[in-house]
Amino acid sequence: MAFEAYAPSDNLRSLSLQYYHLDAISAGFTLPHLEALSINEVFASTETFRDILRLRSTPHFRKLSLIDNVCGLATYCPASYSFQRHS
């Protein structure tokens, strides 16, 4: 699935993906108001995830939830968690 399918939703603030295979993201792709992203067993390249989390792609991003049901792992990244974002 192309992540760009969500691009027309300029007001999209929260997105939950489960059992998806994401394609590479095109240059200039943005979700300008996305604040929260939940990922549950999603296959994508490291570059695709990196591009989604770049500051210029998701400038208002604050919360990330990663879930792996196979391993019973859940990782939650609240806004107070410090992580490096690159533009």
N, C-alpha and C. Protein backbone atom coordinates (compact mmCIF):
# COMPACT_ATOMS: atom_id res chain seq x y z
N MET A 1 0.84 -1.17 0.00
CA MET A 1 0.00 0.00 0.00
C MET A 1 0.88 1.24 0.00
N ALA A 2 0.49 2.21 -0.74
CA ALA A 2 1.22 3.47 -0.75
C ALA A 2 0.74 4.34 0.40
N PHE A 3 1.66 4.80 1.20
CA PHE A 3 1.31 5.65 2.34
C PHE A 3 0.68 6.95 1.87
N GLU A 4 0.95 7.32 0.64
CA GLU A 4 0.40 8.55 0.08
C GLU A 4 -1.13 8.54 0.01
N ALA A 5 -1.74 7.37 0.16
CA ALA A 5 -3.20 7.28 0.15
C ALA A 5 -3.81 8.14 1.25
N TYR A 6 -3.03 8.42 2.30
CA TYR A 6 -3.52 9.23 3.41
C TYR A 6 -3.22 10.71 3.23
N ALA A 7 -2.44 11.06 2.23
CA ALA A 7 -2.01 12.45 2.02
C ALA A 7 -3.16 13.43 1.81
N PRO A 8 -4.23 13.07 1.09
CA PRO A 8 -5.32 14.04 0.90
C PRO A 8 -6.02 14.44 2.20
N SER A 9 -5.81 13.68 3.25
CA SER A 9 -6.46 13.96 4.53
C SER A 9 -5.64 14.97 5.32
N ASP A 10 -5.72 16.23 4.94
CA ASP A 10 -4.92 17.26 5.61
C ASP A 10 -5.25 17.40 7.08
N ASN A 11 -6.45 17.02 7.49
CA ASN A 11 -6.85 17.15 8.89
C ASN A 11 -6.60 15.88 9.70
N LEU A 12 -5.99 14.88 9.09
CA LEU A 12 -5.72 13.61 9.78
C LEU A 12 -4.78 13.84 10.95
N ARG A 13 -5.24 13.52 12.16
CA ARG A 13 -4.43 13.73 13.36
C ARG A 13 -3.95 12.42 13.98
N SER A 14 -4.67 11.33 13.73
CA SER A 14 -4.31 10.04 14.31
C SER A 14 -4.48 8.97 13.24
N LEU A 15 -3.54 8.02 13.19
CA LEU A 15 -3.59 6.97 12.18
C LEU A 15 -3.15 5.66 12.81
N SER A 16 -3.93 4.61 12.58
CA SER A 16 -3.61 3.28 13.08
C SER A 16 -3.51 2.33 11.89
N LEU A 17 -2.37 1.66 11.77
CA LEU A 17 -2.16 0.71 10.68
C LEU A 17 -1.92 -0.67 11.26
N GLN A 18 -2.62 -1.68 10.70
CA GLN A 18 -2.47 -3.04 11.16
C GLN A 18 -2.40 -3.97 9.96
N TYR A 19 -1.38 -4.81 9.92
CA TYR A 19 -1.18 -5.80 8.86
C TYR A 19 -1.07 -5.16 7.47
N TYR A 20 -0.26 -4.14 7.35
CA TYR A 20 -0.02 -3.49 6.07
C TYR A 20 1.40 -3.76 5.60
N HIS A 21 1.59 -3.67 4.31
CA HIS A 21 2.92 -3.64 3.70
C HIS A 21 3.01 -2.28 3.02
N LEU A 22 3.87 -1.41 3.55
CA LEU A 22 3.96 -0.05 3.03
C LEU A 22 5.06 0.06 1.98
N ASP A 23 4.75 0.75 0.91
CA ASP A 23 5.73 1.03 -0.13
C ASP A 23 6.57 2.23 0.29
N ALA A 24 7.61 2.49 -0.50
CA ALA A 24 8.46 3.66 -0.25
C ALA A 24 7.63 4.94 -0.38
N ILE A 25 8.03 5.96 0.34
CA ILE A 25 7.33 7.24 0.32
C ILE A 25 8.01 8.18 -0.67
N SER A 26 7.21 8.86 -1.45
CA SER A 26 7.77 9.77 -2.45
C SER A 26 8.31 11.04 -1.79
N ALA A 27 9.25 11.67 -2.46
CA ALA A 27 9.83 12.92 -1.96
C ALA A 27 8.74 13.98 -1.85
N GLY A 28 8.77 14.74 -0.80
CA GLY A 28 7.79 15.80 -0.61
C GLY A 28 6.50 15.37 0.06
N PHE A 29 6.38 14.09 0.40
CA PHE A 29 5.17 13.59 1.06
C PHE A 29 5.04 14.20 2.46
N THR A 30 3.84 14.66 2.82
CA THR A 30 3.60 15.19 4.17
C THR A 30 2.22 14.79 4.69
N LEU A 31 2.14 14.64 5.98
CA LEU A 31 0.88 14.55 6.72
C LEU A 31 1.00 15.67 7.75
N PRO A 32 0.61 16.87 7.37
CA PRO A 32 0.94 18.06 8.15
C PRO A 32 0.38 18.12 9.57
N HIS A 33 -0.71 17.41 9.85
CA HIS A 33 -1.33 17.50 11.17
C HIS A 33 -1.28 16.19 11.95
N LEU A 34 -0.60 15.18 11.42
CA LEU A 34 -0.54 13.89 12.11
C LEU A 34 0.19 14.04 13.45
N GLU A 35 -0.48 13.63 14.52
CA GLU A 35 0.10 13.71 15.87
C GLU A 35 0.39 12.33 16.45
N ALA A 36 -0.41 11.32 16.08
CA ALA A 36 -0.26 9.99 16.68
C ALA A 36 -0.30 8.92 15.60
N LEU A 37 0.59 7.94 15.74
CA LEU A 37 0.67 6.84 14.79
C LEU A 37 0.79 5.53 15.56
N SER A 38 -0.09 4.58 15.25
CA SER A 38 -0.06 3.26 15.84
C SER A 38 0.26 2.26 14.73
N ILE A 39 1.29 1.45 14.96
CA ILE A 39 1.73 0.48 13.95
C ILE A 39 1.67 -0.91 14.57
N ASN A 40 0.87 -1.79 13.97
CA ASN A 40 0.69 -3.15 14.46
C ASN A 40 1.02 -4.12 13.34
N GLU A 41 2.16 -4.79 13.45
CA GLU A 41 2.60 -5.77 12.47
C GLU A 41 2.57 -5.22 11.05
N VAL A 42 3.27 -4.14 10.85
CA VAL A 42 3.37 -3.48 9.55
C VAL A 42 4.76 -3.75 8.98
N PHE A 43 4.81 -4.19 7.73
CA PHE A 43 6.09 -4.41 7.07
C PHE A 43 6.42 -3.21 6.20
N ALA A 44 7.59 -2.66 6.41
CA ALA A 44 8.08 -1.55 5.59
C ALA A 44 9.58 -1.48 5.78
N SER A 45 10.26 -0.90 4.83
CA SER A 45 11.70 -0.76 4.95
C SER A 45 12.04 0.27 6.03
N THR A 46 13.24 0.20 6.52
CA THR A 46 13.71 1.18 7.50
C THR A 46 13.61 2.58 6.94
N GLU A 47 13.92 2.73 5.66
CA GLU A 47 13.86 4.04 5.01
C GLU A 47 12.44 4.60 5.01
N THR A 48 11.45 3.74 4.80
CA THR A 48 10.05 4.19 4.79
C THR A 48 9.65 4.71 6.17
N PHE A 49 9.98 3.96 7.22
CA PHE A 49 9.67 4.43 8.58
C PHE A 49 10.42 5.73 8.88
N ARG A 50 11.67 5.80 8.47
CA ARG A 50 12.46 7.02 8.70
C ARG A 50 11.80 8.21 8.01
N ASP A 51 11.36 8.02 6.78
CA ASP A 51 10.73 9.11 6.03
C ASP A 51 9.41 9.56 6.65
N ILE A 52 8.64 8.62 7.19
CA ILE A 52 7.38 8.98 7.85
C ILE A 52 7.65 9.84 9.08
N LEU A 53 8.70 9.52 9.81
CA LEU A 53 8.98 10.21 11.07
C LEU A 53 9.83 11.47 10.91
N ARG A 54 10.22 11.80 9.71
CA ARG A 54 11.00 13.03 9.51
C ARG A 54 10.15 14.25 9.84
N LEU A 55 10.80 15.24 10.38
CA LEU A 55 10.12 16.46 10.79
C LEU A 55 9.37 17.12 9.65
N ARG A 56 9.94 17.14 8.47
CA ARG A 56 9.26 17.80 7.34
C ARG A 56 8.05 16.99 6.85
N SER A 57 8.02 15.68 7.11
CA SER A 57 6.89 14.85 6.68
C SER A 57 5.73 14.91 7.66
N THR A 58 6.04 14.92 8.94
CA THR A 58 5.01 14.93 9.99
C THR A 58 5.41 15.94 11.06
N PRO A 59 5.27 17.24 10.79
CA PRO A 59 5.77 18.27 11.69
C PRO A 59 5.12 18.33 13.07
N HIS A 60 3.91 17.80 13.23
CA HIS A 60 3.22 17.84 14.53
C HIS A 60 3.20 16.50 15.25
N PHE A 61 3.99 15.55 14.76
CA PHE A 61 4.01 14.20 15.31
C PHE A 61 4.46 14.21 16.77
N ARG A 62 3.70 13.52 17.65
CA ARG A 62 3.99 13.51 19.08
C ARG A 62 3.98 12.11 19.71
N LYS A 63 3.25 11.16 19.13
CA LYS A 63 3.05 9.88 19.82
C LYS A 63 3.17 8.71 18.84
N LEU A 64 3.93 7.68 19.26
CA LEU A 64 4.13 6.49 18.44
C LEU A 64 3.85 5.26 19.28
N SER A 65 3.07 4.34 18.71
CA SER A 65 2.78 3.08 19.37
C SER A 65 3.17 1.96 18.41
N LEU A 66 4.09 1.10 18.85
CA LEU A 66 4.52 -0.05 18.04
C LEU A 66 4.06 -1.32 18.73
N ILE A 67 3.38 -2.18 18.00
CA ILE A 67 2.84 -3.40 18.59
C ILE A 67 3.24 -4.59 17.73
N ASP A 68 3.75 -5.63 18.38
CA ASP A 68 4.10 -6.87 17.69
C ASP A 68 3.38 -7.99 18.43
N ASN A 69 2.25 -8.43 17.90
CA ASN A 69 1.44 -9.46 18.57
C ASN A 69 2.13 -10.81 18.63
N VAL A 70 3.02 -11.08 17.68
CA VAL A 70 3.71 -12.36 17.66
C VAL A 70 4.60 -12.51 18.89
N CYS A 71 5.32 -11.46 19.23
CA CYS A 71 6.23 -11.50 20.38
C CYS A 71 5.59 -10.97 21.65
N GLY A 72 4.37 -10.47 21.55
CA GLY A 72 3.72 -9.89 22.72
C GLY A 72 4.38 -8.60 23.17
N LEU A 73 4.95 -7.88 22.23
CA LEU A 73 5.70 -6.67 22.53
C LEU A 73 4.86 -5.44 22.22
N ALA A 74 4.86 -4.50 23.10
CA ALA A 74 4.21 -3.21 22.84
C ALA A 74 5.16 -2.11 23.30
N THR A 75 5.46 -1.20 22.43
CA THR A 75 6.33 -0.08 22.75
C THR A 75 5.54 1.19 22.53
N TYR A 76 5.58 2.07 23.50
CA TYR A 76 4.82 3.31 23.42
C TYR A 76 5.76 4.48 23.60
N CYS A 77 5.64 5.46 22.75
CA CYS A 77 6.52 6.62 22.81
C CYS A 77 5.68 7.87 23.02
N PRO A 78 5.48 8.30 24.26
CA PRO A 78 4.69 9.51 24.51
C PRO A 78 5.46 10.76 24.12
N ALA A 79 4.78 11.87 24.15
CA ALA A 79 5.39 13.14 23.76
C ALA A 79 6.58 13.49 24.64
N SER A 80 6.60 13.03 25.87
CA SER A 80 7.70 13.36 26.77
C SER A 80 8.97 12.58 26.46
N TYR A 81 8.85 11.53 25.66
CA TYR A 81 10.02 10.74 25.29
C TYR A 81 10.87 11.54 24.32
N SER A 82 12.13 11.58 24.57
CA SER A 82 13.03 12.38 23.73
C SER A 82 13.62 11.50 22.63
N PHE A 83 13.38 11.85 21.40
CA PHE A 83 14.03 11.17 20.30
C PHE A 83 14.41 12.19 19.24
N GLN A 84 15.47 11.88 18.52
CA GLN A 84 16.01 12.80 17.53
C GLN A 84 15.19 12.74 16.25
N ARG A 85 14.70 13.87 15.81
CA ARG A 85 13.98 13.94 14.54
C ARG A 85 14.79 14.80 13.59
N HIS A 86 14.92 14.32 12.37
CA HIS A 86 15.70 15.03 11.36
C HIS A 86 14.78 15.58 10.28
N SER A 87 15.12 16.72 9.77
CA SER A 87 14.30 17.31 8.71
C SER A 87 14.68 16.82 7.34
